[in-house]
PDB file of N, CA and C in Angstrom:
ATOM      1  N   MET A   1      16.771 -31.427   5.387  1.00  0.00           N
ATOM      2  CA  MET A   1      17.507 -32.946   5.550  1.00  0.00           C
ATOM      3  C   MET A   1      16.773 -33.250   6.717  1.00  0.00           C
ATOM      4  N   VAL A   2      16.468 -34.278   6.890  1.00  0.00           N
ATOM      5  CA  VAL A   2      15.830 -35.264   8.355  1.00  0.00           C
ATOM      6  C   VAL A   2      16.728 -35.646   8.811  1.00  0.00           C
ATOM      7  N   HIS A   3      17.299 -35.549   9.881  1.00  0.00           N
ATOM      8  CA  HIS A   3      18.158 -36.568  10.744  1.00  0.00           C
ATOM      9  C   HIS A   3      17.035 -37.297  11.774  1.00  0.00           C
ATOM     10  N   GLU A   4      17.315 -38.738  11.731  1.00  0.00           N
ATOM     11  CA  GLU A   4      16.780 -39.524  13.212  1.00  0.00           C
ATOM     12  C   GLU A   4      17.580 -39.742  13.833  1.00  0.00           C
ATOM     13  N   LEU A   5      17.445 -39.196  15.033  1.00  0.00           N
ATOM     14  CA  LEU A   5      18.388 -39.402  16.497  1.00  0.00           C
ATOM     15  C   LEU A   5      17.384 -40.128  17.686  1.00  0.00           C
ATOM     16  N   LYS A   6      18.386 -40.737  18.416  1.00  0.00           N
ATOM     17  CA  LYS A   6      17.899 -41.448  19.479  1.00  0.00           C
ATOM     18  C   LYS A   6      17.850 -40.510  20.382  1.00  0.00           C
ATOM     19  N   VAL A   7      17.195 -40.774  21.765  1.00  0.00           N
ATOM     20  CA  VAL A   7      17.303 -39.476  22.531  1.00  0.00           C
ATOM     21  C   VAL A   7      16.787 -40.200  24.187  1.00  0.00           C
ATOM     22  N   LEU A   8      17.391 -40.368  25.187  1.00  0.00           N
ATOM     23  CA  LEU A   8      17.089 -41.185  26.229  1.00  0.00           C
ATOM     24  C   LEU A   8      16.108 -40.521  27.001  1.00  0.00           C
ATOM     25  N   PRO A   9      15.318 -41.371  27.866  1.00  0.00           N
ATOM     26  CA  PRO A   9      14.009 -40.533  28.182  1.00  0.00           C
ATOM     27  C   PRO A   9      13.801 -39.478  28.930  1.00  0.00           C
ATOM     28  N   GLU A  10      14.795 -39.274  29.993  1.00  0.00           N
ATOM     29  CA  GLU A  10      15.177 -38.003  30.575  1.00  0.00           C
ATOM     30  C   GLU A  10      15.196 -36.827  29.648  1.00  0.00           C
ATOM     31  N   TYR A  11      15.833 -37.069  28.586  1.00  0.00           N
ATOM     32  CA  TYR A  11      15.989 -35.882  27.574  1.00  0.00           C
ATOM     33  C   TYR A  11      15.046 -35.651  26.844  1.00  0.00           C
ATOM     34  N   TYR A  12      14.244 -36.449  26.367  1.00  0.00           N
ATOM     35  CA  TYR A  12      13.238 -36.486  25.838  1.00  0.00           C
ATOM     36  C   TYR A  12      12.050 -36.015  26.551  1.00  0.00           C
ATOM     37  N   ASP A  13      11.910 -36.347  28.005  1.00  0.00           N
ATOM     38  CA  ASP A  13      10.759 -35.194  28.808  1.00  0.00           C
ATOM     39  C   ASP A  13      11.208 -33.807  28.782  1.00  0.00           C
ATOM     40  N   ALA A  14      12.418 -33.772  28.909  1.00  0.00           N
ATOM     41  CA  ALA A  14      12.831 -32.217  29.061  1.00  0.00           C
ATOM     42  C   ALA A  14      12.441 -31.579  27.432  1.00  0.00           C
ATOM     43  N   ILE A  15      12.649 -32.207  26.423  1.00  0.00           N
ATOM     44  CA  ILE A  15      12.234 -31.279  25.264  1.00  0.00           C
ATOM     45  C   ILE A  15      10.901 -31.188  25.053  1.00  0.00           C
ATOM     46  N   GLU A  16       9.914 -32.322  25.344  1.00  0.00           N
ATOM     47  CA  GLU A  16       8.513 -32.782  25.359  1.00  0.00           C
ATOM     48  C   GLU A  16       7.982 -31.240  25.939  1.00  0.00           C
ATOM     49  N   SER A  17       8.510 -31.309  27.331  1.00  0.00           N
ATOM     50  CA  SER A  17       7.913 -30.381  28.295  1.00  0.00           C
ATOM     51  C   SER A  17       8.694 -28.536  27.912  1.00  0.00           C
ATOM     52  N   GLY A  18       9.215 -28.533  26.945  1.00  0.00           N
ATOM     53  CA  GLY A  18       9.866 -27.005  26.266  1.00  0.00           C
ATOM     54  C   GLY A  18      11.056 -26.691  27.394  1.00  0.00           C
ATOM     55  N   LYS A  19      11.638 -27.933  28.177  1.00  0.00           N
ATOM     56  CA  LYS A  19      12.529 -27.080  29.076  1.00  0.00           C
ATOM     57  C   LYS A  19      14.047 -27.091  28.309  1.00  0.00           C
ATOM     58  N   LYS A  20      14.007 -28.263  27.539  1.00  0.00           N
ATOM     59  CA  LYS A  20      15.420 -28.205  26.485  1.00  0.00           C
ATOM     60  C   LYS A  20      14.995 -27.679  25.158  1.00  0.00           C
ATOM     61  N   THR A  21      15.640 -26.926  24.733  1.00  0.00           N
ATOM     62  CA  THR A  21      15.738 -26.241  23.448  1.00  0.00           C
ATOM     63  C   THR A  21      16.861 -26.157  22.621  1.00  0.00           C
ATOM     64  N   PHE A  22      17.637 -27.322  22.893  1.00  0.00           N
ATOM     65  CA  PHE A  22      18.916 -27.404  22.299  1.00  0.00           C
ATOM     66  C   PHE A  22      19.306 -29.286  22.297  1.00  0.00           C
ATOM     67  N   GLU A  23      20.189 -29.711  21.132  1.00  0.00           N
ATOM     68  CA  GLU A  23      20.849 -30.470  21.047  1.00  0.00           C
ATOM     69  C   GLU A  23      22.338 -30.589  20.955  1.00  0.00           C
ATOM     70  N   ILE A  24      22.781 -31.082  21.695  1.00  0.00           N
ATOM     71  CA  ILE A  24      24.484 -31.374  21.130  1.00  0.00           C
ATOM     72  C   ILE A  24      25.032 -32.647  20.848  1.00  0.00           C
ATOM     73  N   ARG A  25      25.636 -32.630  19.675  1.00  0.00           N
ATOM     74  CA  ARG A  25      25.690 -33.796  19.197  1.00  0.00           C
ATOM     75  C   ARG A  25      27.083 -33.986  18.673  1.00  0.00           C
ATOM     76  N   LYS A  26      27.546 -35.093  18.260  1.00  0.00           N
ATOM     77  CA  LYS A  26      29.087 -35.251  17.419  1.00  0.00           C
ATOM     78  C   LYS A  26      28.568 -34.913  16.214  1.00  0.00           C
ATOM     79  N   HIS A  27      29.697 -33.883  15.803  1.00  0.00           N
ATOM     80  CA  HIS A  27      29.404 -33.864  14.462  1.00  0.00           C
ATOM     81  C   HIS A  27      29.848 -34.361  13.391  1.00  0.00           C
ATOM     82  N   ASP A  28      29.032 -35.684  13.091  1.00  0.00           N
ATOM     83  CA  ASP A  28      29.066 -36.520  12.259  1.00  0.00           C
ATOM     84  C   ASP A  28      28.268 -36.312  11.190  1.00  0.00           C
ATOM     85  N   ARG A  29      27.590 -35.645  11.142  1.00  0.00           N
ATOM     86  CA  ARG A  29      26.259 -35.433  10.009  1.00  0.00           C
ATOM     87  C   ARG A  29      26.685 -33.975   9.703  1.00  0.00           C
ATOM     88  N   ASP A  30      25.939 -33.574   8.470  1.00  0.00           N
ATOM     89  CA  ASP A  30      26.249 -32.243   8.071  1.00  0.00           C
ATOM     90  C   ASP A  30      25.197 -31.572   8.023  1.00  0.00           C
ATOM     91  N   TYR A  31      25.011 -31.092   9.712  1.00  0.00           N
ATOM     92  CA  TYR A  31      23.794 -30.201  10.292  1.00  0.00           C
ATOM     93  C   TYR A  31      23.901 -29.081   9.586  1.00  0.00           C
ATOM     94  N   LYS A  32      22.337 -28.644   9.437  1.00  0.00           N
ATOM     95  CA  LYS A  32      22.552 -27.290   9.029  1.00  0.00           C
ATOM     96  C   LYS A  32      21.217 -26.449   9.486  1.00  0.00           C
ATOM     97  N   VAL A  33      21.255 -25.005   9.349  1.00  0.00           N
ATOM     98  CA  VAL A  33      20.275 -24.579   9.921  1.00  0.00           C
ATOM     99  C   VAL A  33      18.938 -24.685   9.048  1.00  0.00           C
ATOM    100  N   GLY A  34      17.856 -25.269   9.329  1.00  0.00           N
ATOM    101  CA  GLY A  34      16.577 -25.657   8.926  1.00  0.00           C
ATOM    102  C   GLY A  34      16.704 -27.202   8.651  1.00  0.00           C
ATOM    103  N   ASP A  35      17.395 -27.915   8.796  1.00  0.00           N
ATOM    104  CA  ASP A  35      17.212 -29.518   8.825  1.00  0.00           C
ATOM    105  C   ASP A  35      16.602 -29.828  10.444  1.00  0.00           C
ATOM    106  N   ILE A  36      15.682 -31.357  10.014  1.00  0.00           N
ATOM    107  CA  ILE A  36      14.545 -31.374  11.006  1.00  0.00           C
ATOM    108  C   ILE A  36      15.156 -32.457  11.756  1.00  0.00           C
ATOM    109  N   LEU A  37      14.793 -32.893  13.073  1.00  0.00           N
ATOM    110  CA  LEU A  37      15.488 -33.627  13.734  1.00  0.00           C
ATOM    111  C   LEU A  37      14.345 -34.715  14.347  1.00  0.00           C
ATOM    112  N   GLU A  38      14.258 -35.978  13.887  1.00  0.00           N
ATOM    113  CA  GLU A  38      12.975 -36.934  14.356  1.00  0.00           C
ATOM    114  C   GLU A  38      13.831 -37.172  15.694  1.00  0.00           C
ATOM    115  N   LEU A  39      13.667 -37.195  16.592  1.00  0.00           N
ATOM    116  CA  LEU A  39      14.112 -37.321  17.663  1.00  0.00           C
ATOM    117  C   LEU A  39      13.255 -38.716  18.395  1.00  0.00           C
ATOM    118  N   ARG A  40      13.646 -39.672  18.753  1.00  0.00           N
ATOM    119  CA  ARG A  40      12.742 -40.503  18.671  1.00  0.00           C
ATOM    120  C   ARG A  40      13.510 -41.434  20.460  1.00  0.00           C
ATOM    121  N   GLU A  41      12.325 -41.678  21.088  1.00  0.00           N
ATOM    122  CA  GLU A  41      12.795 -41.861  22.807  1.00  0.00           C
ATOM    123  C   GLU A  41      13.195 -43.316  22.539  1.00  0.00           C
ATOM    124  N   TRP A  42      14.799 -43.468  23.211  1.00  0.00           N
ATOM    125  CA  TRP A  42      15.432 -44.505  23.403  1.00  0.00           C
ATOM    126  C   TRP A  42      15.692 -45.179  24.761  1.00  0.00           C
ATOM    127  N   ASP A  43      15.118 -46.259  25.279  1.00  0.00           N
ATOM    128  CA  ASP A  43      15.592 -46.525  26.774  1.00  0.00           C
ATOM    129  C   ASP A  43      16.746 -46.930  26.925  1.00  0.00           C
ATOM    130  N   GLY A  44      17.622 -47.235  25.982  1.00  0.00           N
ATOM    131  CA  GLY A  44      18.828 -47.611  26.049  1.00  0.00           C
ATOM    132  C   GLY A  44      18.725 -49.396  25.397  1.00  0.00           C
ATOM    133  N   LYS A  45      17.757 -50.077  25.207  1.00  0.00           N
ATOM    134  CA  LYS A  45      17.752 -51.094  24.821  1.00  0.00           C
ATOM    135  C   LYS A  45      16.823 -51.021  23.068  1.00  0.00           C
ATOM    136  N   GLU A  46      16.135 -50.282  23.366  1.00  0.00           N
ATOM    137  CA  GLU A  46      14.841 -50.262  22.300  1.00  0.00           C
ATOM    138  C   GLU A  46      14.201 -48.859  22.397  1.00  0.00           C
ATOM    139  N   TYR A  47      13.458 -48.411  20.740  1.00  0.00           N
ATOM    140  CA  TYR A  47      12.793 -47.368  20.758  1.00  0.00           C
ATOM    141  C   TYR A  47      11.277 -47.858  21.703  1.00  0.00           C
ATOM    142  N   THR A  48      11.172 -46.421  22.123  1.00  0.00           N
ATOM    143  CA  THR A  48       9.649 -46.447  22.964  1.00  0.00           C
ATOM    144  C   THR A  48       8.386 -46.381  22.026  1.00  0.00           C
ATOM    145  N   GLY A  49       8.578 -45.713  20.839  1.00  0.00           N
ATOM    146  CA  GLY A  49       7.845 -45.618  20.021  1.00  0.00           C
ATOM    147  C   GLY A  49       7.127 -43.893  19.892  1.00  0.00           C
ATOM    148  N   ALA A  50       7.969 -43.088  21.124  1.00  0.00           N
ATOM    149  CA  ALA A  50       7.453 -41.920  21.323  1.00  0.00           C
ATOM    150  C   ALA A  50       8.486 -40.949  20.300  1.00  0.00           C
ATOM    151  N   LEU A  51       8.184 -39.890  19.548  1.00  0.00           N
ATOM    152  CA  LEU A  51       8.660 -39.212  19.002  1.00  0.00           C
ATOM    153  C   LEU A  51       8.228 -37.763  18.719  1.00  0.00           C
ATOM    154  N   ILE A  52       9.485 -36.967  18.687  1.00  0.00           N
ATOM    155  CA  ILE A  52       9.217 -35.544  18.761  1.00  0.00           C
ATOM    156  C   ILE A  52       9.839 -34.928  17.654  1.00  0.00           C
ATOM    157  N   THR A  53       9.155 -34.107  16.686  1.00  0.00           N
ATOM    158  CA  THR A  53      10.130 -33.578  15.481  1.00  0.00           C
ATOM    159  C   THR A  53      10.153 -31.946  15.922  1.00  0.00           C
ATOM    160  N   LYS A  54      11.466 -31.738  15.598  1.00  0.00           N
ATOM    161  CA  LYS A  54      11.909 -30.095  15.943  1.00  0.00           C
ATOM    162  C   LYS A  54      12.796 -29.586  14.527  1.00  0.00           C
ATOM    163  N   GLU A  55      13.140 -28.711  14.657  1.00  0.00           N
ATOM    164  CA  GLU A  55      13.295 -27.956  13.633  1.00  0.00           C
ATOM    165  C   GLU A  55      14.667 -27.128  13.993  1.00  0.00           C
ATOM    166  N   VAL A  56      16.330 -27.416  13.376  1.00  0.00           N
ATOM    167  CA  VAL A  56      17.616 -26.575  14.089  1.00  0.00           C
ATOM    168  C   VAL A  56      17.108 -25.191  13.797  1.00  0.00           C
ATOM    169  N   ILE A  57      17.551 -24.177  14.406  1.00  0.00           N
ATOM    170  CA  ILE A  57      17.060 -22.966  13.937  1.00  0.00           C
ATOM    171  C   ILE A  57      18.436 -22.024  14.121  1.00  0.00           C
ATOM    172  N   TYR A  58      19.464 -22.808  14.874  1.00  0.00           N
ATOM    173  CA  TYR A  58      20.778 -21.916  14.865  1.00  0.00           C
ATOM    174  C   TYR A  58      21.749 -23.230  15.220  1.00  0.00           C
ATOM    175  N   ILE A  59      23.014 -23.167  15.143  1.00  0.00           N
ATOM    176  CA  ILE A  59      24.130 -23.738  15.171  1.00  0.00           C
ATOM    177  C   ILE A  59      25.403 -23.116  15.601  1.00  0.00           C
ATOM    178  N   LEU A  60      26.136 -23.852  16.832  1.00  0.00           N
ATOM    179  CA  LEU A  60      27.241 -23.367  16.938  1.00  0.00           C
ATOM    180  C   LEU A  60      28.173 -24.594  17.159  1.00  0.00           C
ATOM    181  N   THR A  61      29.187 -24.424  15.750  1.00  0.00           N
ATOM    182  CA  THR A  61      29.966 -25.311  15.757  1.00  0.00           C
ATOM    183  C   THR A  61      31.524 -25.333  16.668  1.00  0.00           C
ATOM    184  N   ASP A  62      31.922 -26.559  16.608  1.00  0.00           N
ATOM    185  CA  ASP A  62      33.622 -26.569  17.315  1.00  0.00           C
ATOM    186  C   ASP A  62      34.590 -25.532  16.762  1.00  0.00           C
ATOM    187  N   GLY A  63      33.936 -24.646  15.142  1.00  0.00           N
ATOM    188  CA  GLY A  63      34.866 -23.948  15.008  1.00  0.00           C
ATOM    189  C   GLY A  63      34.995 -22.544  15.895  1.00  0.00           C
ATOM    190  N   SER A  64      33.941 -22.169  16.650  1.00  0.00           N
ATOM    191  CA  SER A  64      33.592 -21.226  17.323  1.00  0.00           C
ATOM    192  C   SER A  64      34.574 -20.565  18.723  1.00  0.00           C
ATOM    193  N   GLY A  65      34.812 -21.765  18.780  1.00  0.00           N
ATOM    194  CA  GLY A  65      35.768 -21.649  20.228  1.00  0.00           C
ATOM    195  C   GLY A  65      35.048 -21.947  21.241  1.00  0.00           C
ATOM    196  N   TYR A  66      33.832 -22.356  21.195  1.00  0.00           N
ATOM    197  CA  TYR A  66      32.957 -22.412  22.436  1.00  0.00           C
ATOM    198  C   TYR A  66      32.699 -23.852  22.512  1.00  0.00           C
ATOM    199  N   VAL A  67      32.611 -24.629  21.819  1.00  0.00           N
ATOM    200  CA  VAL A  67      32.140 -26.299  21.557  1.00  0.00           C
ATOM    201  C   VAL A  67      33.179 -27.086  21.311  1.00  0.00           C
ATOM    202  N   LEU A  68      33.327 -28.138  22.248  1.00  0.00           N
ATOM    203  CA  LEU A  68      34.362 -28.839  22.265  1.00  0.00           C
ATOM    204  C   LEU A  68      34.690 -29.840  20.748  1.00  0.00           C
ATOM    205  N   THR A  69      35.809 -29.948  20.615  1.00  0.00           N
ATOM    206  CA  THR A  69      35.999 -30.443  18.983  1.00  0.00           C
ATOM    207  C   THR A  69      35.400 -31.674  18.564  1.00  0.00           C
ATOM    208  N   GLY A  70      34.920 -31.342  17.302  1.00  0.00           N
ATOM    209  CA  GLY A  70      33.833 -32.483  17.044  1.00  0.00           C
ATOM    210  C   GLY A  70      32.494 -32.492  17.491  1.00  0.00           C
ATOM    211  N   TYR A  71      32.078 -31.476  17.882  1.00  0.00           N
ATOM    212  CA  TYR A  71      30.572 -31.546  18.250  1.00  0.00           C
ATOM    213  C   TYR A  71      30.000 -30.054  18.227  1.00  0.00           C
ATOM    214  N   VAL A  72      28.514 -30.150  18.194  1.00  0.00           N
ATOM    215  CA  VAL A  72      28.125 -29.194  17.479  1.00  0.00           C
ATOM    216  C   VAL A  72      26.500 -29.096  18.655  1.00  0.00           C
ATOM    217  N   VAL A  73      26.330 -27.598  18.824  1.00  0.00           N
ATOM    218  CA  VAL A  73      25.390 -27.453  19.255  1.00  0.00           C
ATOM    219  C   VAL A  73      24.293 -26.540  18.743  1.00  0.00           C
ATOM    220  N   MET A  74      23.193 -27.718  18.599  1.00  0.00           N
ATOM    221  CA  MET A  74      21.706 -26.878  17.876  1.00  0.00           C
ATOM    222  C   MET A  74      20.795 -26.391  18.696  1.00  0.00           C
ATOM    223  N   SER A  75      20.372 -25.192  18.083  1.00  0.00           N
ATOM    224  CA  SER A  75      19.055 -24.699  18.999  1.00  0.00           C
ATOM    225  C   SER A  75      17.652 -25.090  18.070  1.00  0.00           C
ATOM    226  N   ILE A  76      16.755 -25.660  18.976  1.00  0.00           N
ATOM    227  CA  ILE A  76      15.963 -26.760  18.415  1.00  0.00           C
ATOM    228  C   ILE A  76      14.530 -25.863  18.782  1.00  0.00           C
ATOM    229  N   GLU A  77      13.356 -25.461  17.781  1.00  0.00           N
ATOM    230  CA  GLU A  77      12.137 -25.248  18.035  1.00  0.00           C
ATOM    231  C   GLU A  77      11.420 -26.273  17.217  1.00  0.00           C
TER     232      GLU A  77
END
């Protein structure tokens, strides 16, 4: 499944440079390992046109005891 997500410029830059290899999101979608994240840069008012595509390779859910209830941590590459 493909998920289109907004990303603020400071986080977009960190993903693009390879420093940020995870996404923390509300668990309001059915995220699964193998899903594709289309991360679109959003400046707070509009999309900038920049896009990075990443694959979810690991998921840590709120049921683990390590993530806030209602959130998910996804490792991406």
